[in-house]
Amino acid sequence: MSGSASKVGATRTKHTNFSAYEDNVLCKSWLEISYDPVINTGQRRESFWIRVVSRYNSNCGRYPKRTQKSIMNRWDHIKAKVSKFSGYMAEMIRSNPSGMSDADKSVAAAADFASVEKHNFTLMHCGKILKDEPKWMELKRKMDTLQNSGSRKDAPPNVQREIPDLDPDKSAPASSSRKRPMGRDAAKAAKKKAASTSSEYVSKMHDLSIQKIELFKDTEGERKARLDEIFTLEKVKVEQAREYRNMMLDIERERLAMDKQRLHMETEKKEKEEEERILAINLDQCQPMQRLYYEALQWRLKRKKRKRRRSAFCG
């Protein structure tokens, strides 16, 4: 029982995969420590990575702290993939297809990467951080030199400290360096095979370029159709807005007319009430001056009523 408990206690917590945010923090930490003047005094690789890990864990925020091994492994992955993508991007810039923006070239380079490498390039966020940094470009040149030389042993010591083997053949025996030199026929066959492989690669890249051109043609057609659809929808929207405004104007006119009619009716009602009040006054109870005043008013009102009756009768 106690043995089982000790095994459970010894189980390590497995962290989740690196997120895009963590990748960005790692790339920035590597750049910051690389630009530190202390590095240029010949600091050893172990000390360099201790500082990178410390910088990363200080800036990772709510994300989990990472071990040196985890960070170094992730950096090796980022370094290899971004370096490969840089090659596809450089080829796309050299070919410079007409009508393509920088964003279009990035998309096309990612398509080339996925077609040749058989998996998508998922580290575009890292590429954006590293691509224009002198320290990254210096490391990229060293990696290209090492890859082209085909031998880690011939690389300078500082390159060996900074760059791991990109494709180490761990199964190769130690005595492989003592193999018999290649014969003339074998050399010719290898040269012929290399030429054939190169031709196949050029043909494949040509086919990819044609596919990309067709893709952009299709994309342009879809974009035009989408713009036409948006234009039609906007016309409908403008027409509906115009109809709505006209409807609201008609409603407002009707409301004003009703308010005017109501005000007229209220005015007539008040006038009628005032007329009835005046006609109901008993002149015998009025003072002489008041009697003369109301008598004249009553006479005018009676004449006004007679005119109304005649108008109503004639109408």
Protein backbone atom coordinates (compact mmCIF):
# COMPACT_ATOMS: atom_id res chain seq x y z
CA MET A 1 0.00 0.00 0.00
CA SER A 2 2.80 2.38 0.99
CA GLY A 3 4.69 1.43 -2.19
CA SER A 4 1.68 2.39 -4.32
CA ALA A 5 1.37 5.69 -2.49
CA SER A 6 5.04 6.47 -3.10
CA LYS A 7 4.61 5.72 -6.81
CA VAL A 8 1.65 8.07 -7.04
CA GLY A 9 3.57 10.76 -5.18
CA ALA A 10 6.50 10.37 -7.53
CA THR A 11 4.33 10.78 -10.64
CA ARG A 12 5.24 13.99 -12.44
CA THR A 13 2.63 16.42 -13.66
CA LYS A 14 2.51 16.43 -17.45
CA HIS A 15 2.17 19.94 -18.84
CA THR A 16 -0.01 20.72 -21.81
CA ASN A 17 1.46 21.52 -25.21
CA PHE A 18 2.93 24.97 -25.74
CA SER A 19 0.36 27.57 -26.73
CA ALA A 20 0.98 30.33 -29.28
CA TYR A 21 1.42 32.78 -26.40
CA GLU A 22 4.06 30.57 -24.78
CA ASP A 23 5.84 30.18 -28.14
CA ASN A 24 5.97 33.97 -28.44
CA VAL A 25 7.37 34.32 -24.91
CA LEU A 26 10.02 31.69 -25.68
CA CYS A 27 11.11 33.38 -28.93
CA LYS A 28 11.31 36.78 -27.24
CA SER A 29 13.23 35.33 -24.28
CA TRP A 30 15.74 33.67 -26.63
CA LEU A 31 16.23 36.96 -28.51
CA GLU A 32 16.61 39.03 -25.33
CA ILE A 33 19.25 36.72 -23.86
CA SER A 34 21.00 36.43 -27.25
CA TYR A 35 21.30 40.21 -27.46
CA ASP A 36 22.71 40.41 -23.92
CA PRO A 37 26.37 41.60 -24.14
CA VAL A 38 27.34 38.89 -21.65
CA ILE A 39 26.69 36.27 -24.35
CA ASN A 40 29.37 37.78 -26.55
CA THR A 41 32.04 37.12 -23.90
CA GLY A 42 31.90 33.39 -24.61
CA GLN A 43 29.23 32.28 -22.18
CA ARG A 44 28.75 28.52 -22.17
CA ARG A 45 25.64 26.97 -23.68
CA GLU A 46 24.40 25.65 -20.31
CA SER A 47 24.55 29.11 -18.71
CA PHE A 48 22.83 30.61 -21.74
CA TRP A 49 19.86 28.26 -21.47
CA ILE A 50 19.60 28.69 -17.71
CA ARG A 51 19.10 32.41 -18.37
CA VAL A 52 16.59 31.76 -21.18
CA VAL A 53 14.55 29.47 -18.91
CA SER A 54 14.61 32.05 -16.12
CA ARG A 55 13.49 34.82 -18.48
CA TYR A 56 10.74 32.62 -19.93
CA ASN A 57 9.34 31.54 -16.54
CA SER A 58 9.35 35.18 -15.38
CA ASN A 59 7.20 36.24 -18.34
CA CYS A 60 4.90 33.26 -18.93
CA GLY A 61 2.08 34.83 -16.89
CA ARG A 62 -0.79 32.47 -16.06
CA TYR A 63 0.78 29.64 -18.06
CA PRO A 64 2.72 26.88 -16.25
CA LYS A 65 6.43 27.14 -15.54
CA ARG A 66 8.52 24.95 -17.87
CA THR A 67 11.67 22.93 -17.27
CA GLN A 68 14.90 23.59 -19.15
CA LYS A 69 14.51 20.33 -21.07
CA SER A 70 10.97 21.21 -22.13
CA ILE A 71 11.98 24.70 -23.25
CA MET A 72 15.06 23.50 -25.14
CA ASN A 73 13.07 20.79 -26.92
CA ARG A 74 10.40 23.29 -27.89
CA TRP A 75 13.02 25.74 -29.15
CA ASP A 76 14.65 23.02 -31.28
CA HIS A 77 11.23 22.32 -32.81
CA ILE A 78 10.52 26.01 -33.46
CA LYS A 79 14.01 26.56 -34.86
CA ALA A 80 13.78 23.65 -37.31
CA LYS A 81 10.26 24.42 -38.57
CA VAL A 82 10.68 28.19 -38.88
CA SER A 83 14.02 27.67 -40.64
CA LYS A 84 12.37 25.35 -43.18
CA PHE A 85 9.50 27.74 -43.73
CA SER A 86 11.99 30.58 -44.25
CA GLY A 87 13.41 28.60 -47.16
CA TYR A 88 9.99 28.28 -48.82
CA MET A 89 9.32 31.97 -48.18
CA ALA A 90 12.67 32.97 -49.67
CA GLU A 91 11.89 30.89 -52.78
CA MET A 92 8.50 32.59 -53.08
CA ILE A 93 10.11 36.04 -52.77
CA ARG A 94 12.70 35.14 -55.42
CA SER A 95 10.02 33.95 -57.86
CA ASN A 96 8.01 37.13 -57.09
CA PRO A 97 4.65 36.14 -58.69
CA SER A 98 2.85 39.17 -60.10
CA GLY A 99 -0.19 40.47 -58.28
CA MET A 100 0.68 38.80 -54.97
CA SER A 101 0.95 40.80 -51.74
CA ASP A 102 3.31 39.83 -48.91
CA ALA A 103 0.37 38.15 -47.15
CA ASP A 104 -0.42 36.19 -50.34
CA LYS A 105 3.22 35.09 -50.57
CA SER A 106 3.13 33.87 -46.96
CA VAL A 107 0.00 31.84 -47.71
CA ALA A 108 1.58 30.40 -50.87
CA ALA A 109 4.81 29.56 -49.00
CA ALA A 110 2.77 27.81 -46.30
CA ALA A 111 0.98 25.84 -49.05
CA ASP A 112 4.37 24.79 -50.51
CA PHE A 113 5.54 23.79 -47.02
CA ALA A 114 2.43 21.66 -46.42
CA SER A 115 2.67 20.03 -49.86
CA VAL A 116 6.34 19.05 -49.57
CA GLU A 117 6.63 18.42 -45.80
CA LYS A 118 3.24 16.62 -45.61
CA HIS A 119 2.05 18.68 -42.65
CA ASN A 120 0.91 22.25 -42.07
CA PHE A 121 3.18 25.05 -40.87
CA THR A 122 1.69 26.03 -37.52
CA LEU A 123 4.35 28.43 -36.23
CA MET A 124 3.62 31.54 -38.30
CA HIS A 125 3.43 33.54 -35.05
CA CYS A 126 7.04 32.57 -34.24
CA GLY A 127 8.18 33.36 -37.78
CA LYS A 128 6.79 36.90 -37.51
CA ILE A 129 8.81 37.53 -34.33
CA LEU A 130 12.09 36.01 -35.56
CA LYS A 131 12.23 36.75 -39.30
CA ASP A 132 13.84 40.22 -39.21
CA GLU A 133 16.00 39.78 -36.09
CA PRO A 134 19.79 39.84 -36.74
CA LYS A 135 20.46 37.14 -34.12
CA TRP A 136 17.97 34.81 -35.75
CA MET A 137 19.35 35.49 -39.23
CA GLU A 138 22.86 34.79 -37.93
CA LEU A 139 21.70 31.48 -36.42
CA LYS A 140 19.86 30.65 -39.66
CA ARG A 141 23.07 31.19 -41.67
CA LYS A 142 24.96 28.88 -39.32
CA MET A 143 22.24 26.25 -39.63
CA ASP A 144 22.29 26.50 -43.43
CA THR A 145 26.09 26.19 -43.44
CA LEU A 146 25.95 23.15 -41.18
CA GLN A 147 23.19 21.52 -43.22
CA ASN A 148 24.98 22.16 -46.52
CA SER A 149 28.29 20.82 -45.19
CA GLY A 150 26.54 17.59 -44.16
CA SER A 151 28.86 17.13 -41.20
CA ARG A 152 28.63 18.44 -37.67
CA LYS A 153 32.27 17.57 -37.03
CA ASP A 154 33.49 20.18 -39.55
CA ALA A 155 31.42 22.98 -38.02
CA PRO A 156 33.12 25.62 -35.81
CA PRO A 157 32.93 24.99 -32.05
CA ASN A 158 30.55 27.91 -31.44
CA VAL A 159 28.15 26.49 -34.04
CA GLN A 160 28.34 23.06 -32.42
CA ARG A 161 27.41 24.58 -29.06
CA GLU A 162 24.44 26.47 -30.47
CA ILE A 163 23.00 24.12 -33.09
CA PRO A 164 22.01 20.47 -32.56
CA ASP A 165 22.01 17.98 -35.44
CA LEU A 166 18.98 18.67 -37.62
CA ASP A 167 18.61 15.08 -38.82
CA PRO A 168 20.95 12.94 -36.70
CA ASP A 169 21.25 9.33 -37.78
CA LYS A 170 21.39 7.76 -34.34
CA SER A 171 21.45 4.24 -35.76
CA ALA A 172 24.63 4.79 -37.80
CA PRO A 173 27.63 2.90 -36.33
CA ALA A 174 30.70 4.75 -35.15
CA SER A 175 32.84 3.09 -37.83
CA SER A 176 30.73 4.56 -40.66
CA SER A 177 33.37 7.26 -41.22
CA ARG A 178 35.86 4.51 -42.24
CA LYS A 179 33.80 3.19 -45.17
CA ARG A 180 35.57 2.38 -48.45
CA PRO A 181 35.60 5.34 -50.91
CA MET A 182 32.82 5.21 -53.49
CA GLY A 183 33.79 3.61 -56.80
CA ARG A 184 33.51 5.27 -60.23
CA ASP A 185 30.34 3.39 -61.25
CA ALA A 186 28.71 4.03 -57.90
CA ALA A 187 29.64 7.72 -58.12
CA LYS A 188 28.08 7.95 -61.60
CA ALA A 189 24.91 6.22 -60.36
CA ALA A 190 24.69 8.54 -57.36
CA LYS A 191 25.18 11.59 -59.59
CA LYS A 192 22.50 10.35 -61.99
CA LYS A 193 20.11 9.70 -59.08
CA ALA A 194 20.77 13.19 -57.66
CA ALA A 195 20.09 14.77 -61.07
CA SER A 196 16.88 12.76 -61.39
CA THR A 197 15.79 13.78 -57.89
CA SER A 198 16.56 17.42 -58.68
CA SER A 199 14.52 17.23 -61.90
CA GLU A 200 11.63 15.66 -60.02
CA TYR A 201 11.82 18.42 -57.41
CA VAL A 202 11.85 21.17 -60.09
CA SER A 203 8.91 19.50 -61.85
CA LYS A 204 7.02 19.22 -58.58
CA MET A 205 7.64 22.87 -57.73
CA HIS A 206 6.50 23.83 -61.26
CA ASP A 207 3.28 21.87 -60.78
CA LEU A 208 2.77 23.55 -57.41
CA SER A 209 3.25 26.97 -59.01
CA ILE A 210 0.62 26.15 -61.65
CA GLN A 211 -1.75 24.94 -58.93
CA LYS A 212 -1.19 28.15 -56.98
CA ILE A 213 -1.89 30.30 -60.05
CA GLU A 214 -5.13 28.40 -60.65
CA LEU A 215 -5.98 28.73 -56.97
CA PHE A 216 -5.49 32.49 -57.08
CA LYS A 217 -7.61 32.68 -60.25
CA ASP A 218 -10.39 30.80 -58.49
CA THR A 219 -9.94 32.97 -55.43
CA GLU A 220 -10.17 36.12 -57.56
CA GLY A 221 -13.38 34.84 -59.18
CA GLU A 222 -14.86 34.01 -55.79
CA ARG A 223 -13.81 37.43 -54.49
CA LYS A 224 -15.54 39.16 -57.44
CA ALA A 225 -18.69 37.10 -56.92
CA ARG A 226 -18.62 37.95 -53.22
CA LEU A 227 -18.19 41.67 -53.99
CA ASP A 228 -21.12 41.52 -56.43
CA GLU A 229 -23.22 39.86 -53.75
CA ILE A 230 -22.23 42.49 -51.19
CA PHE A 231 -23.03 45.28 -53.69
CA THR A 232 -26.48 43.78 -54.35
CA LEU A 233 -27.15 43.44 -50.63
CA GLU A 234 -26.07 47.04 -50.07
CA LYS A 235 -28.47 48.22 -52.80
CA VAL A 236 -31.31 46.32 -51.15
CA LYS A 237 -30.30 47.74 -47.78
CA VAL A 238 -30.27 51.32 -49.12
CA GLU A 239 -33.67 50.82 -50.79
CA GLN A 240 -35.15 49.39 -47.60
CA ALA A 241 -33.73 52.31 -45.60
CA ARG A 242 -35.29 54.77 -48.08
CA GLU A 243 -38.67 53.04 -47.86
CA TYR A 244 -38.44 53.07 -44.08
CA ARG A 245 -37.67 56.81 -44.03
CA ASN A 246 -40.61 57.54 -46.34
CA MET A 247 -42.90 55.43 -44.17
CA MET A 248 -41.77 57.28 -41.04
CA LEU A 249 -42.33 60.64 -42.80
CA ASP A 250 -45.89 59.60 -43.73
CA ILE A 251 -46.55 58.54 -40.14
CA GLU A 252 -45.20 61.87 -38.89
CA ARG A 253 -47.42 63.80 -41.34
CA GLU A 254 -50.48 61.86 -40.18
CA ARG A 255 -49.58 62.52 -36.56
CA LEU A 256 -49.22 66.25 -37.19
CA ALA A 257 -52.53 66.33 -39.06
CA MET A 258 -54.26 64.55 -36.19
CA ASP A 259 -52.70 66.92 -33.66
CA LYS A 260 -53.87 69.88 -35.76
CA GLN A 261 -57.39 68.49 -35.99
CA ARG A 262 -57.50 67.79 -32.26
CA LEU A 263 -56.30 71.32 -31.49
CA HIS A 264 -58.94 72.75 -33.84
CA MET A 265 -61.68 70.72 -32.17
CA GLU A 266 -60.52 71.78 -28.71
CA THR A 267 -60.49 75.42 -29.83
CA GLU A 268 -64.01 75.12 -31.26
CA LYS A 269 -65.19 73.47 -28.07
CA LYS A 270 -63.79 76.27 -25.93
CA GLU A 271 -65.31 78.91 -28.23
CA LYS A 272 -68.70 77.17 -28.08
CA GLU A 273 -68.54 76.96 -24.28
CA GLU A 274 -67.66 80.66 -24.12
CA GLU A 275 -70.51 81.55 -26.49
CA GLU A 276 -73.00 79.55 -24.42
CA ARG A 277 -71.77 81.26 -21.26
CA ILE A 278 -72.23 84.70 -22.79
CA LEU A 279 -75.68 83.88 -24.21
CA ALA A 280 -76.76 82.54 -20.81
CA ILE A 281 -76.02 85.82 -19.02
CA ASN A 282 -79.16 87.55 -17.64
CA LEU A 283 -78.85 91.10 -18.89
CA ASP A 284 -81.40 92.39 -16.33
CA GLN A 285 -78.96 91.56 -13.54
CA CYS A 286 -76.04 93.43 -15.11
CA GLN A 287 -74.88 96.94 -14.43
CA PRO A 288 -75.72 99.43 -17.17
CA MET A 289 -72.25 99.37 -18.77
CA GLN A 290 -72.00 95.58 -18.52
CA ARG A 291 -75.48 95.26 -19.97
CA LEU A 292 -74.52 97.29 -23.03
CA TYR A 293 -71.31 95.18 -23.48
CA TYR A 294 -72.95 91.74 -23.14
CA GLU A 295 -76.00 92.85 -25.11
CA ALA A 296 -73.76 93.67 -28.06
CA LEU A 297 -71.88 90.36 -27.68
CA GLN A 298 -75.10 88.36 -27.53
CA TRP A 299 -76.43 90.12 -30.64
CA ARG A 300 -73.21 89.26 -32.60
CA LEU A 301 -73.28 85.66 -31.41
CA LYS A 302 -76.95 85.22 -32.37
CA ARG A 303 -76.23 86.65 -35.83
CA LYS A 304 -73.24 84.30 -36.15
CA LYS A 305 -75.45 81.31 -35.27
CA ARG A 306 -78.06 82.34 -37.83
CA LYS A 307 -75.36 82.48 -40.51
CA ARG A 308 -74.15 79.00 -39.53
CA ARG A 309 -77.68 77.61 -39.78
CA ARG A 310 -78.19 79.21 -43.19
CA SER A 311 -74.85 77.88 -44.40
CA ALA A 312 -75.68 74.39 -43.12
CA PHE A 313 -79.15 74.56 -44.74
CA CYS A 314 -77.79 75.77 -48.09
CA GLY A 315 -74.98 73.23 -48.02
